[in-house]
Amino acid sequence: EEMKEIMSAPVYNNTPLQSVAKRFWDALEESQRSQLKNEERLEQSLGKLKVEFLLAKAEWEEKITASQEQRNKLKKKYIHQKERLNGEIYVQSTRFQSSKCKG
């Protein structure tokens, strides 16, 4: 700002120096506007990425939960089958023992 005041002094009126200074300030202003637009675009892109990440994370967590539930069901089924088989083996073994004792 101080430089703008200096360059707008009457002594610099209608000189090439004032023209160069004006072009410089205009370019600087345009550059700052462009940078601001880029920052806004980057923030929007970052926001979109965050949303995509959170959706993917939620989907993954749902899949993990479903897999764990399926695993638990299979585990219960396995334990039930194992207990049933052990019971059948026990019954057969007691039958075998009782028939061995009779015979």
N, C-alpha and C. Protein backbone atom coordinates (compact mmCIF):
# COMPACT_ATOMS: atom_id res chain seq x y z
N GLU A 1 0.83 -1.19 0.00
CA GLU A 1 0.00 0.00 0.00
C GLU A 1 0.87 1.25 0.00
N GLU A 2 1.92 1.21 0.76
CA GLU A 2 2.81 2.37 0.83
C GLU A 2 3.43 2.65 -0.53
N MET A 3 3.77 1.57 -1.22
CA MET A 3 4.38 1.72 -2.55
C MET A 3 3.39 2.34 -3.52
N LYS A 4 2.11 1.96 -3.40
CA LYS A 4 1.08 2.54 -4.28
C LYS A 4 0.99 4.05 -4.06
N GLU A 5 1.05 4.46 -2.81
CA GLU A 5 0.99 5.89 -2.50
C GLU A 5 2.17 6.64 -3.11
N ILE A 6 3.33 6.03 -2.97
CA ILE A 6 4.54 6.68 -3.52
C ILE A 6 4.42 6.82 -5.03
N MET A 7 3.97 5.74 -5.69
CA MET A 7 3.91 5.74 -7.14
C MET A 7 2.79 6.65 -7.67
N SER A 8 1.83 6.97 -6.82
CA SER A 8 0.75 7.86 -7.27
C SER A 8 1.05 9.33 -6.97
N ALA A 9 2.23 9.60 -6.50
CA ALA A 9 2.63 10.98 -6.21
C ALA A 9 2.65 11.78 -7.52
N PRO A 10 2.33 13.04 -7.45
CA PRO A 10 2.28 13.87 -8.66
C PRO A 10 3.57 13.89 -9.48
N VAL A 11 4.68 13.69 -8.82
CA VAL A 11 5.96 13.72 -9.54
C VAL A 11 6.07 12.57 -10.56
N TYR A 12 5.34 11.47 -10.29
CA TYR A 12 5.41 10.32 -11.20
C TYR A 12 4.27 10.30 -12.22
N ASN A 13 3.38 11.28 -12.18
CA ASN A 13 2.27 11.33 -13.14
C ASN A 13 2.79 11.34 -14.57
N ASN A 14 2.13 10.54 -15.38
CA ASN A 14 2.43 10.47 -16.81
C ASN A 14 3.87 10.09 -17.11
N THR A 15 4.47 9.27 -16.27
CA THR A 15 5.83 8.79 -16.54
C THR A 15 5.76 7.29 -16.79
N PRO A 16 6.73 6.74 -17.49
CA PRO A 16 6.75 5.30 -17.72
C PRO A 16 6.80 4.51 -16.41
N LEU A 17 7.41 5.07 -15.41
CA LEU A 17 7.51 4.40 -14.12
C LEU A 17 6.13 4.15 -13.53
N GLN A 18 5.25 5.13 -13.65
CA GLN A 18 3.89 4.97 -13.13
C GLN A 18 3.14 3.89 -13.91
N SER A 19 3.35 3.83 -15.20
CA SER A 19 2.70 2.83 -16.04
C SER A 19 3.17 1.42 -15.66
N VAL A 20 4.48 1.28 -15.44
CA VAL A 20 5.04 -0.01 -15.05
C VAL A 20 4.50 -0.42 -13.68
N ALA A 21 4.44 0.52 -12.76
CA ALA A 21 3.94 0.24 -11.41
C ALA A 21 2.48 -0.19 -11.46
N LYS A 22 1.68 0.48 -12.32
CA LYS A 22 0.27 0.12 -12.43
C LYS A 22 0.12 -1.30 -12.98
N ARG A 23 0.90 -1.61 -14.01
CA ARG A 23 0.84 -2.98 -14.56
C ARG A 23 1.26 -4.01 -13.51
N PHE A 24 2.27 -3.67 -12.73
CA PHE A 24 2.71 -4.57 -11.67
C PHE A 24 1.60 -4.82 -10.66
N TRP A 25 0.96 -3.74 -10.18
CA TRP A 25 -0.10 -3.89 -9.18
C TRP A 25 -1.31 -4.63 -9.75
N ASP A 26 -1.61 -4.38 -11.01
CA ASP A 26 -2.72 -5.10 -11.65
C ASP A 26 -2.40 -6.60 -11.74
N ALA A 27 -1.16 -6.91 -12.13
CA ALA A 27 -0.76 -8.32 -12.24
C ALA A 27 -0.76 -8.99 -10.87
N LEU A 28 -0.29 -8.27 -9.87
CA LEU A 28 -0.27 -8.82 -8.51
C LEU A 28 -1.70 -9.08 -8.03
N GLU A 29 -2.59 -8.14 -8.29
CA GLU A 29 -3.99 -8.30 -7.89
C GLU A 29 -4.62 -9.51 -8.59
N GLU A 30 -4.36 -9.63 -9.88
CA GLU A 30 -4.90 -10.76 -10.65
C GLU A 30 -4.33 -12.09 -10.12
N SER A 31 -3.05 -12.07 -9.81
CA SER A 31 -2.42 -13.27 -9.27
C SER A 31 -3.04 -13.67 -7.93
N GLN A 32 -3.32 -12.70 -7.09
CA GLN A 32 -3.93 -12.98 -5.79
C GLN A 32 -5.35 -13.52 -5.96
N ARG A 33 -6.09 -12.96 -6.91
CA ARG A 33 -7.45 -13.48 -7.18
C ARG A 33 -7.39 -14.91 -7.69
N SER A 34 -6.44 -15.15 -8.58
CA SER A 34 -6.27 -16.50 -9.13
C SER A 34 -5.89 -17.49 -8.04
N GLN A 35 -5.01 -17.08 -7.17
CA GLN A 35 -4.59 -17.94 -6.06
C GLN A 35 -5.77 -18.24 -5.15
N LEU A 36 -6.60 -17.24 -4.89
CA LEU A 36 -7.78 -17.44 -4.05
C LEU A 36 -8.74 -18.45 -4.69
N LYS A 37 -8.93 -18.32 -6.01
CA LYS A 37 -9.80 -19.27 -6.72
C LYS A 37 -9.22 -20.68 -6.64
N ASN A 38 -7.92 -20.79 -6.81
CA ASN A 38 -7.28 -22.11 -6.72
C ASN A 38 -7.45 -22.71 -5.33
N GLU A 39 -7.31 -21.89 -4.30
CA GLU A 39 -7.49 -22.37 -2.93
C GLU A 39 -8.92 -22.86 -2.72
N GLU A 40 -9.88 -22.11 -3.27
CA GLU A 40 -11.28 -22.51 -3.14
C GLU A 40 -11.52 -23.85 -3.85
N ARG A 41 -10.95 -23.98 -5.05
CA ARG A 41 -11.10 -25.25 -5.79
C ARG A 41 -10.45 -26.41 -5.03
N LEU A 42 -9.29 -26.14 -4.46
CA LEU A 42 -8.61 -27.18 -3.68
C LEU A 42 -9.43 -27.58 -2.46
N GLU A 43 -10.02 -26.59 -1.79
CA GLU A 43 -10.85 -26.89 -0.63
C GLU A 43 -12.07 -27.71 -1.03
N GLN A 44 -12.67 -27.37 -2.17
CA GLN A 44 -13.81 -28.14 -2.66
C GLN A 44 -13.40 -29.57 -3.00
N SER A 45 -12.25 -29.71 -3.66
CA SER A 45 -11.75 -31.05 -3.99
C SER A 45 -11.46 -31.85 -2.73
N LEU A 46 -10.87 -31.19 -1.75
CA LEU A 46 -10.59 -31.86 -0.48
C LEU A 46 -11.88 -32.30 0.19
N GLY A 47 -12.90 -31.44 0.15
CA GLY A 47 -14.20 -31.80 0.71
C GLY A 47 -14.79 -33.02 0.03
N LYS A 48 -14.70 -33.06 -1.30
CA LYS A 48 -15.21 -34.20 -2.05
C LYS A 48 -14.46 -35.48 -1.68
N LEU A 49 -13.15 -35.36 -1.55
CA LEU A 49 -12.34 -36.52 -1.17
C LEU A 49 -12.70 -37.02 0.23
N LYS A 50 -12.96 -36.09 1.13
CA LYS A 50 -13.34 -36.48 2.49
C LYS A 50 -14.66 -37.24 2.46
N VAL A 51 -15.62 -36.74 1.67
CA VAL A 51 -16.91 -37.41 1.56
C VAL A 51 -16.73 -38.81 0.98
N GLU A 52 -15.95 -38.92 -0.10
CA GLU A 52 -15.70 -40.23 -0.70
C GLU A 52 -15.04 -41.17 0.29
N PHE A 53 -14.08 -40.65 1.04
CA PHE A 53 -13.39 -41.48 2.04
C PHE A 53 -14.35 -41.98 3.10
N LEU A 54 -15.18 -41.07 3.62
CA LEU A 54 -16.11 -41.46 4.67
C LEU A 54 -17.14 -42.47 4.17
N LEU A 55 -17.59 -42.31 2.93
CA LEU A 55 -18.53 -43.28 2.36
C LEU A 55 -17.86 -44.64 2.19
N ALA A 56 -16.63 -44.63 1.67
CA ALA A 56 -15.91 -45.89 1.49
C ALA A 56 -15.64 -46.56 2.84
N LYS A 57 -15.30 -45.75 3.84
CA LYS A 57 -15.05 -46.28 5.18
C LYS A 57 -16.32 -46.92 5.75
N ALA A 58 -17.45 -46.23 5.60
CA ALA A 58 -18.72 -46.77 6.11
C ALA A 58 -19.07 -48.07 5.39
N GLU A 59 -18.86 -48.09 4.08
CA GLU A 59 -19.14 -49.31 3.31
C GLU A 59 -18.24 -50.46 3.77
N TRP A 60 -16.97 -50.16 3.99
CA TRP A 60 -16.02 -51.17 4.45
C TRP A 60 -16.42 -51.70 5.82
N GLU A 61 -16.81 -50.80 6.71
CA GLU A 61 -17.21 -51.22 8.05
C GLU A 61 -18.47 -52.10 8.00
N GLU A 62 -19.38 -51.78 7.09
CA GLU A 62 -20.57 -52.62 6.92
C GLU A 62 -20.18 -54.01 6.44
N LYS A 63 -19.24 -54.07 5.50
CA LYS A 63 -18.78 -55.37 4.99
C LYS A 63 -18.09 -56.17 6.09
N ILE A 64 -17.29 -55.49 6.90
CA ILE A 64 -16.60 -56.17 8.00
C ILE A 64 -17.62 -56.72 8.99
N THR A 65 -18.62 -55.91 9.32
CA THR A 65 -19.65 -56.34 10.26
C THR A 65 -20.40 -57.55 9.70
N ALA A 66 -20.77 -57.49 8.42
CA ALA A 66 -21.47 -58.61 7.79
C ALA A 66 -20.59 -59.86 7.80
N SER A 67 -19.31 -59.70 7.52
CA SER A 67 -18.39 -60.84 7.52
C SER A 67 -18.26 -61.44 8.92
N GLN A 68 -18.19 -60.58 9.92
CA GLN A 68 -18.08 -61.07 11.30
C GLN A 68 -19.35 -61.81 11.70
N GLU A 69 -20.51 -61.29 11.30
CA GLU A 69 -21.76 -61.97 11.61
C GLU A 69 -21.81 -63.34 10.92
N GLN A 70 -21.38 -63.38 9.66
CA GLN A 70 -21.35 -64.65 8.93
C GLN A 70 -20.39 -65.63 9.60
N ARG A 71 -19.24 -65.13 10.01
CA ARG A 71 -18.25 -65.97 10.69
C ARG A 71 -18.85 -66.54 11.98
N ASN A 72 -19.54 -65.70 12.75
CA ASN A 72 -20.14 -66.16 14.00
C ASN A 72 -21.20 -67.23 13.75
N LYS A 73 -22.01 -67.05 12.70
CA LYS A 73 -23.02 -68.06 12.36
C LYS A 73 -22.36 -69.39 12.00
N LEU A 74 -21.32 -69.32 11.18
CA LEU A 74 -20.62 -70.53 10.78
C LEU A 74 -19.94 -71.20 11.98
N LYS A 75 -19.40 -70.40 12.87
CA LYS A 75 -18.75 -70.94 14.05
C LYS A 75 -19.76 -71.67 14.93
N LYS A 76 -20.94 -71.05 15.12
CA LYS A 76 -21.99 -71.70 15.92
C LYS A 76 -22.43 -73.00 15.27
N LYS A 77 -22.58 -72.96 13.94
CA LYS A 77 -22.99 -74.16 13.21
C LYS A 77 -21.94 -75.26 13.36
N TYR A 78 -20.67 -74.88 13.24
CA TYR A 78 -19.58 -75.84 13.40
C TYR A 78 -19.60 -76.46 14.79
N ILE A 79 -19.74 -75.62 15.82
CA ILE A 79 -19.75 -76.12 17.20
C ILE A 79 -20.93 -77.05 17.41
N HIS A 80 -22.08 -76.70 16.87
CA HIS A 80 -23.28 -77.54 16.99
C HIS A 80 -23.05 -78.90 16.31
N GLN A 81 -22.50 -78.84 15.08
CA GLN A 81 -22.23 -80.10 14.36
C GLN A 81 -21.20 -80.95 15.11
N LYS A 82 -20.19 -80.31 15.64
CA LYS A 82 -19.15 -81.02 16.38
C LYS A 82 -19.73 -81.69 17.62
N GLU A 83 -20.58 -80.95 18.35
CA GLU A 83 -21.21 -81.52 19.55
C GLU A 83 -22.12 -82.68 19.18
N ARG A 84 -22.88 -82.53 18.09
CA ARG A 84 -23.77 -83.59 17.64
C ARG A 84 -22.96 -84.83 17.24
N LEU A 85 -21.89 -84.63 16.52
CA LEU A 85 -21.05 -85.75 16.10
C LEU A 85 -20.42 -86.43 17.32
N ASN A 86 -19.93 -85.65 18.27
CA ASN A 86 -19.35 -86.22 19.48
C ASN A 86 -20.40 -87.03 20.24
N GLY A 87 -21.64 -86.51 20.27
CA GLY A 87 -22.72 -87.23 20.93
C GLY A 87 -23.01 -88.55 20.22
N GLU A 88 -23.02 -88.54 18.90
CA GLU A 88 -23.27 -89.77 18.13
C GLU A 88 -22.15 -90.78 18.36
N ILE A 89 -20.93 -90.29 18.38
CA ILE A 89 -19.79 -91.18 18.62
C ILE A 89 -19.90 -91.80 20.01
N TYR A 90 -20.30 -90.98 20.99
CA TYR A 90 -20.44 -91.48 22.35
C TYR A 90 -21.53 -92.56 22.40
N VAL A 91 -22.66 -92.30 21.75
CA VAL A 91 -23.75 -93.27 21.75
C VAL A 91 -23.29 -94.56 21.09
N GLN A 92 -22.62 -94.45 19.96
CA GLN A 92 -22.14 -95.65 19.27
C GLN A 92 -21.13 -96.40 20.12
N SER A 93 -20.28 -95.68 20.80
CA SER A 93 -19.27 -96.34 21.62
C SER A 93 -19.91 -97.04 22.81
N THR A 94 -20.94 -96.44 23.41
CA THR A 94 -21.61 -97.10 24.53
C THR A 94 -22.37 -98.32 24.04
N ARG A 95 -22.94 -98.24 22.84
CA ARG A 95 -23.62 -99.41 22.27
C ARG A 95 -22.61 -100.53 22.01
N PHE A 96 -21.47 -100.12 21.46
CA PHE A 96 -20.44 -101.10 21.17
C PHE A 96 -19.96 -101.77 22.47
N GLN A 97 -19.77 -100.95 23.51
CA GLN A 97 -19.33 -101.48 24.80
C GLN A 97 -20.37 -102.41 25.39
N SER A 98 -21.65 -102.02 25.30
CA SER A 98 -22.71 -102.86 25.89
C SER A 98 -22.87 -104.15 25.08
N SER A 99 -22.69 -104.09 23.75
CA SER A 99 -22.81 -105.32 22.97
C SER A 99 -21.60 -106.21 23.20
N LYS A 100 -20.45 -105.61 23.49
CA LYS A 100 -19.25 -106.37 23.77
C LYS A 100 -19.38 -107.09 25.11
N CYS A 101 -20.03 -106.41 26.06
CA CYS A 101 -20.22 -107.00 27.39
C CYS A 101 -21.22 -108.17 27.29
N LYS A 102 -22.23 -108.06 26.44
CA LYS A 102 -23.26 -109.11 26.30
C LYS A 102 -22.67 -110.32 25.57
N GLY A 103 -21.79 -110.06 24.70
CA GLY A 103 -21.31 -111.10 23.82
C GLY A 103 -20.12 -111.78 24.29
